């Protein structure tokens, strides 16, 4: 396998891992929101609820950063495009 093919395969794998991490972050954020809503409705104590709020805020921040234009420029490229020189 040529070095270029190996590089393209690694880029594809990186993109798959990144997409999986984004999906996991989204699911975890949804779960944290559910816990917060449960706490608000039932007034049942949840240990470390402040930490849960902080983690939810951090997750939102990460998702916004990942969806920002500089990141998306690379995200929308195919592995083949990513190996081409940028103009």
PDB file of N, CA and C in Angstrom:
ATOM      1  N   UNK A   1       0.854  -1.183   0.000  1.00  0.00           N
ATOM      2  CA  UNK A   1       0.000   0.000   0.000  1.00  0.00           C
ATOM      3  C   UNK A   1       0.892   1.236   0.000  1.00  0.00           C
ATOM      4  N   UNK A   2       0.555   2.193  -0.828  1.00  0.00           N
ATOM      5  CA  UNK A   2       1.347   3.423  -0.922  1.00  0.00           C
ATOM      6  C   UNK A   2       1.126   4.291   0.297  1.00  0.00           C
ATOM      7  N   UNK A   3       2.099   5.161   0.548  1.00  0.00           N
ATOM      8  CA  UNK A   3       1.995   6.083   1.686  1.00  0.00           C
ATOM      9  C   UNK A   3       0.743   6.960   1.585  1.00  0.00           C
ATOM     10  N   UNK A   4       0.414   7.377   0.378  1.00  0.00           N
ATOM     11  CA  UNK A   4      -0.769   8.218   0.178  1.00  0.00           C
ATOM     12  C   UNK A   4      -2.043   7.454   0.544  1.00  0.00           C
ATOM     13  N   UNK A   5      -2.117   6.190   0.148  1.00  0.00           N
ATOM     14  CA  UNK A   5      -3.279   5.366   0.488  1.00  0.00           C
ATOM     15  C   UNK A   5      -3.369   5.137   1.990  1.00  0.00           C
ATOM     16  N   UNK A   6      -2.233   4.929   2.621  1.00  0.00           N
ATOM     17  CA  UNK A   6      -2.203   4.743   4.073  1.00  0.00           C
ATOM     18  C   UNK A   6      -2.681   6.013   4.769  1.00  0.00           C
ATOM     19  N   UNK A   7      -2.221   7.156   4.276  1.00  0.00           N
ATOM     20  CA  UNK A   7      -2.632   8.441   4.869  1.00  0.00           C
ATOM     21  C   UNK A   7      -4.131   8.650   4.705  1.00  0.00           C
ATOM     22  N   UNK A   8      -4.671   8.346   3.536  1.00  0.00           N
ATOM     23  CA  UNK A   8      -6.107   8.492   3.306  1.00  0.00           C
ATOM     24  C   UNK A   8      -6.903   7.569   4.219  1.00  0.00           C
ATOM     25  N   UNK A   9      -6.423   6.342   4.406  1.00  0.00           N
ATOM     26  CA  UNK A   9      -7.105   5.396   5.297  1.00  0.00           C
ATOM     27  C   UNK A   9      -7.081   5.907   6.727  1.00  0.00           C
ATOM     28  N   UNK A  10      -5.963   6.451   7.154  1.00  0.00           N
ATOM     29  CA  UNK A  10      -5.869   6.988   8.519  1.00  0.00           C
ATOM     30  C   UNK A  10      -6.800   8.181   8.703  1.00  0.00           C
ATOM     31  N   UNK A  11      -6.919   9.007   7.695  1.00  0.00           N
ATOM     32  CA  UNK A  11      -7.835  10.150   7.773  1.00  0.00           C
ATOM     33  C   UNK A  11      -9.273   9.656   7.882  1.00  0.00           C
ATOM     34  N   UNK A  12      -9.626   8.642   7.077  1.00  0.00           N
ATOM     35  CA  UNK A  12     -10.979   8.071   7.161  1.00  0.00           C
ATOM     36  C   UNK A  12     -11.246   7.528   8.571  1.00  0.00           C
ATOM     37  N   UNK A  13     -10.281   6.820   9.130  1.00  0.00           N
ATOM     38  CA  UNK A  13     -10.441   6.268  10.476  1.00  0.00           C
ATOM     39  C   UNK A  13     -10.574   7.383  11.506  1.00  0.00           C
ATOM     40  N   UNK A  14      -9.773   8.431  11.364  1.00  0.00           N
ATOM     41  CA  UNK A  14      -9.857   9.566  12.283  1.00  0.00           C
ATOM     42  C   UNK A  14     -11.236  10.210  12.219  1.00  0.00           C
ATOM     43  N   UNK A  15     -11.759  10.396  11.021  1.00  0.00           N
ATOM     44  CA  UNK A  15     -13.078  11.008  10.848  1.00  0.00           C
ATOM     45  C   UNK A  15     -14.155  10.123  11.470  1.00  0.00           C
ATOM     46  N   UNK A  16     -14.046   8.807  11.305  1.00  0.00           N
ATOM     47  CA  UNK A  16     -15.016   7.899  11.914  1.00  0.00           C
ATOM     48  C   UNK A  16     -14.970   7.980  13.441  1.00  0.00           C
ATOM     49  N   UNK A  17     -13.781   8.021  14.003  1.00  0.00           N
ATOM     50  CA  UNK A  17     -13.633   8.125  15.456  1.00  0.00           C
ATOM     51  C   UNK A  17     -14.172   9.464  15.947  1.00  0.00           C
ATOM     52  N   UNK A  18     -13.867  10.540  15.229  1.00  0.00           N
ATOM     53  CA  UNK A  18     -14.361  11.865  15.605  1.00  0.00           C
ATOM     54  C   UNK A  18     -15.882  11.893  15.571  1.00  0.00           C
ATOM     55  N   UNK A  19     -16.483  11.331  14.523  1.00  0.00           N
ATOM     56  CA  UNK A  19     -17.941  11.302  14.421  1.00  0.00           C
ATOM     57  C   UNK A  19     -18.566  10.483  15.552  1.00  0.00           C
ATOM     58  N   UNK A  20     -17.928   9.371  15.898  1.00  0.00           N
ATOM     59  CA  UNK A  20     -18.415   8.568  17.016  1.00  0.00           C
ATOM     60  C   UNK A  20     -18.322   9.352  18.321  1.00  0.00           C
ATOM     61  N   UNK A  21     -17.232  10.063  18.521  1.00  0.00           N
ATOM     62  CA  UNK A  21     -17.083  10.886  19.726  1.00  0.00           C
ATOM     63  C   UNK A  21     -18.139  11.986  19.784  1.00  0.00           C
ATOM     64  N   UNK A  22     -18.444  12.598  18.653  1.00  0.00           N
ATOM     65  CA  UNK A  22     -19.506  13.611  18.614  1.00  0.00           C
ATOM     66  C   UNK A  22     -20.849  13.008  18.998  1.00  0.00           C
ATOM     67  N   UNK A  23     -21.126  11.834  18.476  1.00  0.00           N
ATOM     68  CA  UNK A  23     -22.389  11.169  18.798  1.00  0.00           C
ATOM     69  C   UNK A  23     -22.450  10.825  20.288  1.00  0.00           C
ATOM     70  N   UNK A  24     -21.356  10.319  20.832  1.00  0.00           N
ATOM     71  CA  UNK A  24     -21.317   9.996  22.262  1.00  0.00           C
ATOM     72  C   UNK A  24     -21.502  11.245  23.114  1.00  0.00           C
ATOM     73  N   UNK A  25     -20.865  12.335  22.734  1.00  0.00           N
ATOM     74  CA  UNK A  25     -21.002  13.592  23.469  1.00  0.00           C
ATOM     75  C   UNK A  25     -22.450  14.056  23.440  1.00  0.00           C
ATOM     76  N   UNK A  26     -23.089  13.939  22.298  1.00  0.00           N
ATOM     77  CA  UNK A  26     -24.488  14.331  22.174  1.00  0.00           C
ATOM     78  C   UNK A  26     -25.390  13.465  23.061  1.00  0.00           C
ATOM     79  N   UNK A  27     -25.156  12.168  23.069  1.00  0.00           N
ATOM     80  CA  UNK A  27     -25.960  11.259  23.898  1.00  0.00           C
ATOM     81  C   UNK A  27     -25.742  11.569  25.377  1.00  0.00           C
ATOM     82  N   UNK A  28     -24.491  11.759  25.787  1.00  0.00           N
ATOM     83  CA  UNK A  28     -24.214  12.066  27.187  1.00  0.00           C
ATOM     84  C   UNK A  28     -24.845  13.386  27.604  1.00  0.00           C
ATOM     85  N   UNK A  29     -24.833  14.372  26.715  1.00  0.00           N
ATOM     86  CA  UNK A  29     -25.463  15.648  27.008  1.00  0.00           C
ATOM     87  C   UNK A  29     -26.964  15.465  27.207  1.00  0.00           C
ATOM     88  N   UNK A  30     -27.576  14.658  26.363  1.00  0.00           N
ATOM     89  CA  UNK A  30     -29.003  14.387  26.488  1.00  0.00           C
ATOM     90  C   UNK A  30     -29.312  13.703  27.821  1.00  0.00           C
ATOM     91  N   UNK A  31     -28.482  12.742  28.200  1.00  0.00           N
ATOM     92  CA  UNK A  31     -28.682  12.055  29.483  1.00  0.00           C
ATOM     93  C   UNK A  31     -28.543  13.030  30.640  1.00  0.00           C
ATOM     94  N   UNK A  32     -27.542  13.891  30.592  1.00  0.00           N
ATOM     95  CA  UNK A  32     -27.361  14.871  31.670  1.00  0.00           C
ATOM     96  C   UNK A  32     -28.553  15.814  31.751  1.00  0.00           C
ATOM     97  N   UNK A  33     -29.077  16.238  30.602  1.00  0.00           N
ATOM     98  CA  UNK A  33     -30.256  17.101  30.595  1.00  0.00           C
ATOM     99  C   UNK A  33     -31.451  16.378  31.220  1.00  0.00           C
ATOM    100  N   UNK A  34     -31.584  15.088  30.928  1.00  0.00           N
ATOM    101  CA  UNK A  34     -32.678  14.315  31.503  1.00  0.00           C
ATOM    102  C   UNK A  34     -32.571  14.293  33.022  1.00  0.00           C
ATOM    103  N   UNK A  35     -31.370  14.052  33.546  1.00  0.00           N
ATOM    104  CA  UNK A  35     -31.174  14.054  34.994  1.00  0.00           C
ATOM    105  C   UNK A  35     -31.529  15.407  35.607  1.00  0.00           C
ATOM    106  N   UNK A  36     -31.126  16.471  34.937  1.00  0.00           N
ATOM    107  CA  UNK A  36     -31.428  17.817  35.447  1.00  0.00           C
ATOM    108  C   UNK A  36     -32.937  18.049  35.454  1.00  0.00           C
ATOM    109  N   UNK A  37     -33.624  17.689  34.387  1.00  0.00           N
ATOM    110  CA  UNK A  37     -35.073  17.838  34.336  1.00  0.00           C
ATOM    111  C   UNK A  37     -35.749  16.974  35.397  1.00  0.00           C
ATOM    112  N   UNK A  38     -35.262  15.765  35.585  1.00  0.00           N
ATOM    113  CA  UNK A  38     -35.791  14.880  36.623  1.00  0.00           C
ATOM    114  C   UNK A  38     -35.649  15.536  37.989  1.00  0.00           C
ATOM    115  N   UNK A  39     -34.491  16.110  38.246  1.00  0.00           N
ATOM    116  CA  UNK A  39     -34.235  16.795  39.512  1.00  0.00           C
ATOM    117  C   UNK A  39     -35.196  17.971  39.697  1.00  0.00           C
ATOM    118  N   UNK A  40     -35.399  18.757  38.656  1.00  0.00           N
ATOM    119  CA  UNK A  40     -36.284  19.923  38.747  1.00  0.00           C
ATOM    120  C   UNK A  40     -37.736  19.504  39.016  1.00  0.00           C
ATOM    121  N   UNK A  41     -38.203  18.453  38.352  1.00  0.00           N
ATOM    122  CA  UNK A  41     -39.600  18.030  38.488  1.00  0.00           C
ATOM    123  C   UNK A  41     -39.881  17.312  39.799  1.00  0.00           C
ATOM    124  N   UNK A  42     -38.947  16.491  40.242  1.00  0.00           N
ATOM    125  CA  UNK A  42     -39.213  15.653  41.410  1.00  0.00           C
ATOM    126  C   UNK A  42     -38.630  16.205  42.701  1.00  0.00           C
ATOM    127  N   UNK A  43     -37.699  17.116  42.580  1.00  0.00           N
ATOM    128  CA  UNK A  43     -36.984  17.676  43.746  1.00  0.00           C
ATOM    129  C   UNK A  43     -36.267  16.594  44.547  1.00  0.00           C
ATOM    130  N   UNK A  44     -36.012  15.462  43.896  1.00  0.00           N
ATOM    131  CA  UNK A  44     -35.212  14.414  44.525  1.00  0.00           C
ATOM    132  C   UNK A  44     -33.752  14.828  44.402  1.00  0.00           C
ATOM    133  N   UNK A  45     -33.039  14.719  45.512  1.00  0.00           N
ATOM    134  CA  UNK A  45     -31.633  15.107  45.496  1.00  0.00           C
ATOM    135  C   UNK A  45     -30.819  14.205  44.582  1.00  0.00           C
ATOM    136  N   UNK A  46     -30.010  14.838  43.778  1.00  0.00           N
ATOM    137  CA  UNK A  46     -29.049  14.131  42.939  1.00  0.00           C
ATOM    138  C   UNK A  46     -27.673  14.552  43.434  1.00  0.00           C
ATOM    139  N   UNK A  47     -26.865  13.586  43.841  1.00  0.00           N
ATOM    140  CA  UNK A  47     -25.535  13.947  44.332  1.00  0.00           C
ATOM    141  C   UNK A  47     -24.745  14.716  43.267  1.00  0.00           C
ATOM    142  N   UNK A  48     -24.072  15.744  43.698  1.00  0.00           N
ATOM    143  CA  UNK A  48     -23.192  16.542  42.833  1.00  0.00           C
ATOM    144  C   UNK A  48     -23.937  17.175  41.652  1.00  0.00           C
ATOM    145  N   UNK A  49     -25.144  17.658  41.906  1.00  0.00           N
ATOM    146  CA  UNK A  49     -25.938  18.270  40.833  1.00  0.00           C
ATOM    147  C   UNK A  49     -25.217  19.470  40.226  1.00  0.00           C
ATOM    148  N   UNK A  50     -24.447  20.198  41.027  1.00  0.00           N
ATOM    149  CA  UNK A  50     -23.691  21.336  40.495  1.00  0.00           C
ATOM    150  C   UNK A  50     -22.663  20.878  39.469  1.00  0.00           C
ATOM    151  N   UNK A  51     -22.036  19.743  39.735  1.00  0.00           N
ATOM    152  CA  UNK A  51     -21.069  19.198  38.783  1.00  0.00           C
ATOM    153  C   UNK A  51     -21.775  18.785  37.492  1.00  0.00           C
ATOM    154  N   UNK A  52     -22.984  18.280  37.611  1.00  0.00           N
ATOM    155  CA  UNK A  52     -23.763  17.890  36.434  1.00  0.00           C
ATOM    156  C   UNK A  52     -24.086  19.114  35.576  1.00  0.00           C
ATOM    157  N   UNK A  53     -24.489  20.216  36.224  1.00  0.00           N
ATOM    158  CA  UNK A  53     -24.716  21.461  35.486  1.00  0.00           C
ATOM    159  C   UNK A  53     -23.441  21.915  34.784  1.00  0.00           C
ATOM    160  N   UNK A  54     -22.316  21.857  35.481  1.00  0.00           N
ATOM    161  CA  UNK A  54     -21.038  22.286  34.898  1.00  0.00           C
ATOM    162  C   UNK A  54     -20.646  21.401  33.715  1.00  0.00           C
ATOM    163  N   UNK A  55     -20.841  20.100  33.839  1.00  0.00           N
ATOM    164  CA  UNK A  55     -20.528  19.187  32.742  1.00  0.00           C
ATOM    165  C   UNK A  55     -21.431  19.431  31.534  1.00  0.00           C
ATOM    166  N   UNK A  56     -22.695  19.707  31.800  1.00  0.00           N
ATOM    167  CA  UNK A  56     -23.619  20.001  30.702  1.00  0.00           C
ATOM    168  C   UNK A  56     -23.191  21.275  29.973  1.00  0.00           C
ATOM    169  N   UNK A  57     -22.816  22.304  30.720  1.00  0.00           N
ATOM    170  CA  UNK A  57     -22.324  23.539  30.100  1.00  0.00           C
ATOM    171  C   UNK A  57     -21.074  23.275  29.271  1.00  0.00           C
ATOM    172  N   UNK A  58     -20.165  22.473  29.805  1.00  0.00           N
ATOM    173  CA  UNK A  58     -18.927  22.142  29.095  1.00  0.00           C
ATOM    174  C   UNK A  58     -19.240  21.387  27.802  1.00  0.00           C
ATOM    175  N   UNK A  59     -20.183  20.452  27.865  1.00  0.00           N
ATOM    176  CA  UNK A  59     -20.563  19.695  26.671  1.00  0.00           C
ATOM    177  C   UNK A  59     -21.141  20.617  25.603  1.00  0.00           C
ATOM    178  N   UNK A  60     -21.988  21.556  26.010  1.00  0.00           N
ATOM    179  CA  UNK A  60     -22.550  22.524  25.053  1.00  0.00           C
ATOM    180  C   UNK A  60     -21.433  23.351  24.427  1.00  0.00           C
ATOM    181  N   UNK A  61     -20.481  23.781  25.233  1.00  0.00           N
ATOM    182  CA  UNK A  61     -19.352  24.569  24.732  1.00  0.00           C
ATOM    183  C   UNK A  61     -18.554  23.763  23.706  1.00  0.00           C
ATOM    184  N   UNK A  62     -18.270  22.512  24.025  1.00  0.00           N
ATOM    185  CA  UNK A  62     -17.519  21.666  23.098  1.00  0.00           C
ATOM    186  C   UNK A  62     -18.265  21.474  21.783  1.00  0.00           C
ATOM    187  N   UNK A  63     -19.558  21.230  21.868  1.00  0.00           N
ATOM    188  CA  UNK A  63     -20.341  21.048  20.645  1.00  0.00           C
ATOM    189  C   UNK A  63     -20.347  22.308  19.793  1.00  0.00           C
ATOM    190  N   UNK A  64     -20.445  23.485  20.442  1.00  0.00           N
ATOM    191  CA  UNK A  64     -20.396  24.750  19.685  1.00  0.00           C
ATOM    192  C   UNK A  64     -19.032  24.936  19.037  1.00  0.00           C
ATOM    193  N   UNK A  65     -17.957  24.624  19.757  1.00  0.00           N
ATOM    194  CA  UNK A  65     -16.612  24.767  19.200  1.00  0.00           C
ATOM    195  C   UNK A  65     -16.407  23.834  18.012  1.00  0.00           C
ATOM    196  N   UNK A  66     -16.895  22.609  18.152  1.00  0.00           N
ATOM    197  CA  UNK A  66     -16.731  21.630  17.079  1.00  0.00           C
ATOM    198  C   UNK A  66     -17.524  22.048  15.847  1.00  0.00           C
ATOM    199  N   UNK A  67     -18.665  22.683  16.041  1.00  0.00           N
ATOM    200  CA  UNK A  67     -19.491  23.121  14.916  1.00  0.00           C
ATOM    201  C   UNK A  67     -19.104  24.500  14.392  1.00  0.00           C
ATOM    202  N   UNK A  68     -18.022  25.064  14.877  1.00  0.00           N
ATOM    203  CA  UNK A  68     -17.603  26.386  14.413  1.00  0.00           C
ATOM    204  C   UNK A  68     -17.014  26.288  13.004  1.00  0.00           C
ATOM    205  N   UNK A  69     -17.069  27.372  12.224  1.00  0.00           N
ATOM    206  CA  UNK A  69     -16.615  27.337  10.836  1.00  0.00           C
ATOM    207  C   UNK A  69     -15.190  26.816  10.615  1.00  0.00           C
ATOM    208  N   UNK A  70     -14.172  27.197  11.392  1.00  0.00           N
ATOM    209  CA  UNK A  70     -12.837  26.655  11.097  1.00  0.00           C
ATOM    210  C   UNK A  70     -12.785  25.134  11.204  1.00  0.00           C
ATOM    211  N   UNK A  71     -13.479  24.575  12.182  1.00  0.00           N
ATOM    212  CA  UNK A  71     -13.496  23.128  12.325  1.00  0.00           C
ATOM    213  C   UNK A  71     -14.279  22.486  11.188  1.00  0.00           C
ATOM    214  N   UNK A  72     -15.390  23.096  10.809  1.00  0.00           N
ATOM    215  CA  UNK A  72     -16.234  22.521   9.762  1.00  0.00           C
ATOM    216  C   UNK A  72     -15.550  22.499   8.405  1.00  0.00           C
ATOM    217  N   UNK A  73     -14.646  23.434   8.153  1.00  0.00           N
ATOM    218  CA  UNK A  73     -13.931  23.422   6.881  1.00  0.00           C
ATOM    219  C   UNK A  73     -13.213  22.093   6.701  1.00  0.00           C
ATOM    220  N   UNK A  74     -12.601  21.599   7.747  1.00  0.00           N
ATOM    221  CA  UNK A  74     -11.903  20.321   7.669  1.00  0.00           C
ATOM    222  C   UNK A  74     -12.875  19.162   7.759  1.00  0.00           C
ATOM    223  N   UNK A  75     -13.944  19.339   8.508  1.00  0.00           N
ATOM    224  CA  UNK A  75     -14.925  18.270   8.729  1.00  0.00           C
ATOM    225  C   UNK A  75     -15.642  17.913   7.434  1.00  0.00           C
ATOM    226  N   UNK A  76     -15.895  18.891   6.575  1.00  0.00           N
ATOM    227  CA  UNK A  76     -16.665  18.650   5.366  1.00  0.00           C
ATOM    228  C   UNK A  76     -15.811  18.085   4.237  1.00  0.00           C
ATOM    229  N   UNK A  77     -14.507  18.092   4.407  1.00  0.00           N
ATOM    230  CA  UNK A  77     -13.654  17.563   3.366  1.00  0.00           C
ATOM    231  C   UNK A  77     -13.685  16.041   3.372  1.00  0.00           C
ATOM    232  N   UNK A  78     -13.556  15.473   2.189  1.00  0.00           N
ATOM    233  CA  UNK A  78     -13.402  14.026   2.110  1.00  0.00           C
ATOM    234  C   UNK A  78     -11.939  13.706   2.385  1.00  0.00           C
ATOM    235  N   UNK A  79     -11.613  12.481   2.709  1.00  0.00           N
ATOM    236  CA  UNK A  79     -10.201  12.149   2.911  1.00  0.00           C
ATOM    237  C   UNK A  79      -9.341  12.474   1.699  1.00  0.00           C
ATOM    238  N   UNK A  80      -9.896  12.303   0.515  1.00  0.00           N
ATOM    239  CA  UNK A  80      -9.139  12.614  -0.692  1.00  0.00           C
ATOM    240  C   UNK A  80      -8.850  14.113  -0.781  1.00  0.00           C
ATOM    241  N   UNK A  81      -9.862  14.949  -0.437  1.00  0.00           N
ATOM    242  CA  UNK A  81      -9.667  16.398  -0.456  1.00  0.00           C
ATOM    243  C   UNK A  81      -8.649  16.831   0.595  1.00  0.00           C
ATOM    244  N   UNK A  82      -8.662  16.171   1.731  1.00  0.00           N
ATOM    245  CA  UNK A  82      -7.797  16.573   2.840  1.00  0.00           C
ATOM    246  C   UNK A  82      -6.323  16.389   2.505  1.00  0.00           C
ATOM    247  N   UNK A  83      -6.011  15.541   1.548  1.00  0.00           N
ATOM    248  CA  UNK A  83      -4.609  15.313   1.189  1.00  0.00           C
ATOM    249  C   UNK A  83      -4.157  16.253   0.072  1.00  0.00           C
ATOM    250  N   UNK A  84      -5.093  16.977  -0.512  1.00  0.00           N
ATOM    251  CA  UNK A  84      -4.755  17.911  -1.588  1.00  0.00           C
ATOM    252  C   UNK A  84      -4.231  19.207  -0.979  1.00  0.00           C
ATOM    253  N   UNK A  85      -3.312  19.865  -1.662  1.00  0.00           N
ATOM    254  CA  UNK A  85      -2.822  21.154  -1.156  1.00  0.00           C
ATOM    255  C   UNK A  85      -3.953  22.178  -1.089  1.00  0.00           C
ATOM    256  N   UNK A  86      -3.944  22.987  -0.034  1.00  0.00           N
ATOM    257  CA  UNK A  86      -4.955  24.041   0.113  1.00  0.00           C
ATOM    258  C   UNK A  86      -4.538  25.272  -0.666  1.00  0.00           C
ATOM    259  N   UNK A  87      -5.494  25.894  -1.363  1.00  0.00           N
ATOM    260  CA  UNK A  87      -5.197  27.132  -2.113  1.00  0.00           C
ATOM    261  C   UNK A  87      -5.434  28.332  -1.247  1.00  0.00           C
TER     262      UNK A  87
END
